[in-house]
Each structure stands twice: as C-alpha cells, then as structure tokens.
C-alpha cells in the first residue's frame, strides 16, 4: 500500500518510518505466538483500567440468550468511560441484564463488567458486515458535548 486515497492525514498516521501501524493490540505467549486482542481505538479506559471490548463481548456472546453483542465505552463522570453492552437477544429469549453483568464479573472481574446494558432489535452494520461501533457510540453522546483527543 502506498497511501490512503485522498486521505493524507490517515496515511501519515498509518505509515511511519517504513512501518505500517495497524492499530491492533496483541500479546505474545511464552512460545512467541501472537494473539490479536482488539483495536487500540476501541479500547475503553474505565476507572484507570484498560478494557478491550472483545474480551467482554466474548463472555457475553457465550450466554444462550444473546444473539449478538457489541461493547463500547460511553462517557461517564465517575469512570471516565463506562463499559456498555448493546445486545440483540435470541428470538424468544428475554436476557436478564443483572445476570449478564454478573457473568462478566465472574469471568473477567468487576472492572470489565458492563455498567449498563442496552437491548436492541439489531446492531448497526457497516457496508462490509461489521458492527458499526462509531454509530453505536454516537447514540450515547446525545445531550453531551463530545471530548476531542
């Protein structure tokens, strides 16, 4: 790749000193195998903890009543960002928010547990079939001034 089409700022952020910066966050195990954890831009900073939405999504998606889930950070006066799960229930299911929150607490700890859960009929999707987290996050900014940076 030489550049992003008509996006010089994005090109400059992504291509630095001969390296391609993908924005992915990974870890290596003791054998040197790399595991992609999440995208840096999706990371939630809540109460001083760095929380990767995918870890919370993986736990919630294992619940029998959950068809789809997306986790985002939303502005919060106390936590900075609050872990928030947006869930589509399986047909005929009625998931219990407290049960889902407690499931995450048990598997990942309190810092990862959603502070709120919003149930929706469907998640917004991008043209390539991924959950559009920008649209999801924007729905929580209503009535708040968005911080830039």
C-alpha atoms as a PDB file:
ATOM      1  CA  UNK A   1       0.000   0.000   0.000  1.00  0.00           C
ATOM      2  CA  UNK A   2       1.337   3.417  -0.921  1.00  0.00           C
ATOM      3  CA  UNK A   3      -1.329   5.638   0.631  1.00  0.00           C
ATOM      4  CA  UNK A   4      -4.996   6.085   1.501  1.00  0.00           C
ATOM      5  CA  UNK A   5      -6.915   7.589  -1.416  1.00  0.00           C
ATOM      6  CA  UNK A   6      -7.275  11.339  -0.816  1.00  0.00           C
ATOM      7  CA  UNK A   7      -6.596  10.930   2.938  1.00  0.00           C
ATOM      8  CA  UNK A   8      -3.078  12.261   3.598  1.00  0.00           C
ATOM      9  CA  UNK A   9      -3.641  12.632   7.370  1.00  0.00           C
ATOM     10  CA  UNK A  10      -4.689   8.995   7.710  1.00  0.00           C
ATOM     11  CA  UNK A  11      -1.730   7.939   5.559  1.00  0.00           C
ATOM     12  CA  UNK A  12       0.664   9.894   7.802  1.00  0.00           C
ATOM     13  CA  UNK A  13      -0.794   8.283  10.957  1.00  0.00           C
ATOM     14  CA  UNK A  14      -0.616   4.781   9.497  1.00  0.00           C
ATOM     15  CA  UNK A  15       2.685   4.788   7.610  1.00  0.00           C
ATOM     16  CA  UNK A  16       5.561   5.964   9.829  1.00  0.00           C
ATOM     17  CA  UNK A  17       9.284   5.415   9.296  1.00  0.00           C
ATOM     18  CA  UNK A  18       8.695   2.495   6.960  1.00  0.00           C
ATOM     19  CA  UNK A  19       6.287   0.729   9.330  1.00  0.00           C
ATOM     20  CA  UNK A  20       2.576   0.053   8.897  1.00  0.00           C
ATOM     21  CA  UNK A  21       0.737   0.879  12.143  1.00  0.00           C
ATOM     22  CA  UNK A  22      -2.476  -1.157  12.063  1.00  0.00           C
ATOM     23  CA  UNK A  23      -3.928  -0.063  15.388  1.00  0.00           C
ATOM     24  CA  UNK A  24      -4.216  -3.683  16.521  1.00  0.00           C
ATOM     25  CA  UNK A  25      -3.271  -4.621  20.071  1.00  0.00           C
ATOM     26  CA  UNK A  26      -1.713  -8.053  20.510  1.00  0.00           C
ATOM     27  CA  UNK A  27       0.019 -10.195  23.089  1.00  0.00           C
ATOM     28  CA  UNK A  28       2.635 -12.897  22.734  1.00  0.00           C
ATOM     29  CA  UNK A  29       2.561 -16.125  24.701  1.00  0.00           C
ATOM     30  CA  UNK A  30       5.568 -17.927  26.131  1.00  0.00           C
ATOM     31  CA  UNK A  31       6.130 -19.717  22.781  1.00  0.00           C
ATOM     32  CA  UNK A  32       6.134 -16.473  20.811  1.00  0.00           C
ATOM     33  CA  UNK A  33       2.672 -16.909  19.267  1.00  0.00           C
ATOM     34  CA  UNK A  34       0.872 -13.604  18.720  1.00  0.00           C
ATOM     35  CA  UNK A  35      -2.787 -13.104  19.633  1.00  0.00           C
ATOM     36  CA  UNK A  36      -4.774 -10.099  18.431  1.00  0.00           C
ATOM     37  CA  UNK A  37      -6.725  -8.741  21.399  1.00  0.00           C
ATOM     38  CA  UNK A  38      -8.576  -5.797  19.904  1.00  0.00           C
ATOM     39  CA  UNK A  39      -8.220  -2.475  18.126  1.00  0.00           C
ATOM     40  CA  UNK A  40      -6.473   0.331  20.015  1.00  0.00           C
ATOM     41  CA  UNK A  41      -9.194   2.808  19.035  1.00  0.00           C
ATOM     42  CA  UNK A  42     -11.853   0.546  20.602  1.00  0.00           C
ATOM     43  CA  UNK A  43     -10.080   0.224  23.974  1.00  0.00           C
ATOM     44  CA  UNK A  44     -12.117   1.529  26.910  1.00  0.00           C
ATOM     45  CA  UNK A  45     -10.384   3.350  29.763  1.00  0.00           C
ATOM     46  CA  UNK A  46     -12.638   2.989  32.789  1.00  0.00           C
ATOM     47  CA  UNK A  47     -11.572   3.861  36.311  1.00  0.00           C
ATOM     48  CA  UNK A  48      -7.915   3.563  35.334  1.00  0.00           C
ATOM     49  CA  UNK A  49      -8.320   0.123  33.719  1.00  0.00           C
ATOM     50  CA  UNK A  50      -7.728  -0.589  30.038  1.00  0.00           C
ATOM     51  CA  UNK A  51     -10.578  -2.789  28.871  1.00  0.00           C
ATOM     52  CA  UNK A  52     -10.725  -4.457  25.485  1.00  0.00           C
ATOM     53  CA  UNK A  53     -14.344  -4.719  24.298  1.00  0.00           C
ATOM     54  CA  UNK A  54     -13.704  -8.018  22.566  1.00  0.00           C
ATOM     55  CA  UNK A  55     -12.931  -9.727  25.893  1.00  0.00           C
ATOM     56  CA  UNK A  56     -16.317  -8.654  27.274  1.00  0.00           C
ATOM     57  CA  UNK A  57     -18.087  -9.493  24.004  1.00  0.00           C
ATOM     58  CA  UNK A  58     -16.583 -12.991  24.051  1.00  0.00           C
ATOM     59  CA  UNK A  59     -18.038 -13.644  27.517  1.00  0.00           C
ATOM     60  CA  UNK A  60     -21.487 -12.207  26.768  1.00  0.00           C
ATOM     61  CA  UNK A  61     -21.801 -13.951  23.402  1.00  0.00           C
ATOM     62  CA  UNK A  62     -21.489 -17.327  25.164  1.00  0.00           C
ATOM     63  CA  UNK A  63     -24.776 -16.742  27.001  1.00  0.00           C
ATOM     64  CA  UNK A  64     -27.651 -18.743  25.490  1.00  0.00           C
ATOM     65  CA  UNK A  65     -29.983 -15.698  25.332  1.00  0.00           C
ATOM     66  CA  UNK A  66     -27.531 -13.475  23.407  1.00  0.00           C
ATOM     67  CA  UNK A  67     -27.617 -13.499  19.600  1.00  0.00           C
ATOM     68  CA  UNK A  68     -25.244 -10.551  19.024  1.00  0.00           C
ATOM     69  CA  UNK A  69     -23.336  -8.161  21.246  1.00  0.00           C
ATOM     70  CA  UNK A  70     -21.166  -5.089  20.869  1.00  0.00           C
ATOM     71  CA  UNK A  71     -19.342  -3.397  23.732  1.00  0.00           C
ATOM     72  CA  UNK A  72     -18.368   0.276  23.695  1.00  0.00           C
ATOM     73  CA  UNK A  73     -17.133   2.878  26.145  1.00  0.00           C
ATOM     74  CA  UNK A  74     -19.525   5.735  26.792  1.00  0.00           C
ATOM     75  CA  UNK A  75     -18.825   8.964  28.678  1.00  0.00           C
ATOM     76  CA  UNK A  76     -19.174   8.702  32.424  1.00  0.00           C
ATOM     77  CA  UNK A  77     -18.492  11.366  35.052  1.00  0.00           C
ATOM     78  CA  UNK A  78     -17.238   8.845  37.621  1.00  0.00           C
ATOM     79  CA  UNK A  79     -15.372   6.274  35.470  1.00  0.00           C
ATOM     80  CA  UNK A  80     -14.245   8.396  32.503  1.00  0.00           C
ATOM     81  CA  UNK A  81     -15.788   5.805  30.242  1.00  0.00           C
ATOM     82  CA  UNK A  82     -18.362   3.233  31.255  1.00  0.00           C
ATOM     83  CA  UNK A  83     -18.307  -0.247  29.764  1.00  0.00           C
ATOM     84  CA  UNK A  84     -21.624  -0.559  27.945  1.00  0.00           C
ATOM     85  CA  UNK A  85     -23.001  -3.644  26.210  1.00  0.00           C
ATOM     86  CA  UNK A  86     -25.508  -3.380  23.393  1.00  0.00           C
ATOM     87  CA  UNK A  87     -27.238  -6.719  22.953  1.00  0.00           C
ATOM     88  CA  UNK A  88     -29.563  -8.375  20.466  1.00  0.00           C
ATOM     89  CA  UNK A  89     -31.452 -11.196  22.191  1.00  0.00           C
ATOM     90  CA  UNK A  90     -32.056 -14.544  20.543  1.00  0.00           C
ATOM     91  CA  UNK A  91     -35.584 -14.977  19.191  1.00  0.00           C
ATOM     92  CA  UNK A  92     -37.955 -15.676  22.043  1.00  0.00           C
ATOM     93  CA  UNK A  93     -35.342 -15.015  24.748  1.00  0.00           C
ATOM     94  CA  UNK A  94     -35.521 -12.382  27.459  1.00  0.00           C
ATOM     95  CA  UNK A  95     -31.999 -11.934  28.820  1.00  0.00           C
ATOM     96  CA  UNK A  96     -31.631 -10.543  32.319  1.00  0.00           C
ATOM     97  CA  UNK A  97     -29.222  -7.564  32.463  1.00  0.00           C
ATOM     98  CA  UNK A  98     -28.078  -8.320  36.023  1.00  0.00           C
ATOM     99  CA  UNK A  99     -27.359 -11.941  35.126  1.00  0.00           C
ATOM    100  CA  UNK A 100     -25.248 -10.850  32.147  1.00  0.00           C
ATOM    101  CA  UNK A 101     -23.351  -8.276  34.211  1.00  0.00           C
ATOM    102  CA  UNK A 102     -22.654 -10.906  36.885  1.00  0.00           C
ATOM    103  CA  UNK A 103     -21.463 -13.355  34.222  1.00  0.00           C
ATOM    104  CA  UNK A 104     -18.795 -10.871  33.117  1.00  0.00           C
ATOM    105  CA  UNK A 105     -17.842 -10.137  36.735  1.00  0.00           C
ATOM    106  CA  UNK A 106     -17.360 -13.859  37.371  1.00  0.00           C
ATOM    107  CA  UNK A 107     -15.290 -14.466  34.209  1.00  0.00           C
ATOM    108  CA  UNK A 108     -13.322 -11.208  33.854  1.00  0.00           C
ATOM    109  CA  UNK A 109     -13.715  -9.186  37.068  1.00  0.00           C
ATOM    110  CA  UNK A 110     -15.675  -6.118  38.111  1.00  0.00           C
ATOM    111  CA  UNK A 111     -13.728  -3.616  36.005  1.00  0.00           C
ATOM    112  CA  UNK A 112     -14.815  -5.415  32.820  1.00  0.00           C
ATOM    113  CA  UNK A 113     -18.458  -5.763  33.826  1.00  0.00           C
ATOM    114  CA  UNK A 114     -20.839  -3.504  31.899  1.00  0.00           C
ATOM    115  CA  UNK A 115     -22.144  -0.548  33.873  1.00  0.00           C
ATOM    116  CA  UNK A 116     -25.199  -0.677  31.642  1.00  0.00           C
ATOM    117  CA  UNK A 117     -26.770  -2.937  29.059  1.00  0.00           C
ATOM    118  CA  UNK A 118     -28.969  -1.721  26.242  1.00  0.00           C
ATOM    119  CA  UNK A 119     -31.175  -4.245  24.441  1.00  0.00           C
ATOM    120  CA  UNK A 120     -31.856  -3.532  20.759  1.00  0.00           C
ATOM    121  CA  UNK A 121     -33.554  -5.318  17.856  1.00  0.00           C
ATOM    122  CA  UNK A 122     -30.456  -5.029  15.654  1.00  0.00           C
ATOM    123  CA  UNK A 123     -26.942  -3.616  15.683  1.00  0.00           C
ATOM    124  CA  UNK A 124     -25.844  -1.039  13.107  1.00  0.00           C
ATOM    125  CA  UNK A 125     -23.612  -2.630  10.496  1.00  0.00           C
ATOM    126  CA  UNK A 126     -21.014  -1.260   8.087  1.00  0.00           C
ATOM    127  CA  UNK A 127     -21.077  -1.963   4.372  1.00  0.00           C
ATOM    128  CA  UNK A 128     -18.716  -4.908   4.889  1.00  0.00           C
ATOM    129  CA  UNK A 129     -20.907  -6.540   7.536  1.00  0.00           C
ATOM    130  CA  UNK A 130     -19.110  -5.491  10.730  1.00  0.00           C
ATOM    131  CA  UNK A 131     -20.796  -3.839  13.697  1.00  0.00           C
ATOM    132  CA  UNK A 132     -20.515  -0.068  13.260  1.00  0.00           C
ATOM    133  CA  UNK A 133     -19.190   0.945  16.659  1.00  0.00           C
ATOM    134  CA  UNK A 134     -18.931   4.605  15.642  1.00  0.00           C
ATOM    135  CA  UNK A 135     -22.689   4.708  15.156  1.00  0.00           C
ATOM    136  CA  UNK A 136     -23.237   2.837  18.435  1.00  0.00           C
ATOM    137  CA  UNK A 137     -21.020   5.216  20.407  1.00  0.00           C
ATOM    138  CA  UNK A 138     -22.628   8.269  18.810  1.00  0.00           C
ATOM    139  CA  UNK A 139     -26.039   7.140  20.079  1.00  0.00           C
ATOM    140  CA  UNK A 140     -24.766   7.640  23.659  1.00  0.00           C
ATOM    141  CA  UNK A 141     -23.478  11.183  23.067  1.00  0.00           C
ATOM    142  CA  UNK A 142     -26.952  12.733  22.793  1.00  0.00           C
ATOM    143  CA  UNK A 143     -27.101  15.767  25.076  1.00  0.00           C
ATOM    144  CA  UNK A 144     -23.374  15.649  25.903  1.00  0.00           C
ATOM    145  CA  UNK A 145     -20.527  17.630  24.493  1.00  0.00           C
ATOM    146  CA  UNK A 146     -18.060  15.225  22.945  1.00  0.00           C
ATOM    147  CA  UNK A 147     -14.488  15.463  24.155  1.00  0.00           C
ATOM    148  CA  UNK A 148     -11.892  15.548  21.406  1.00  0.00           C
ATOM    149  CA  UNK A 149      -8.479  13.962  21.763  1.00  0.00           C
END
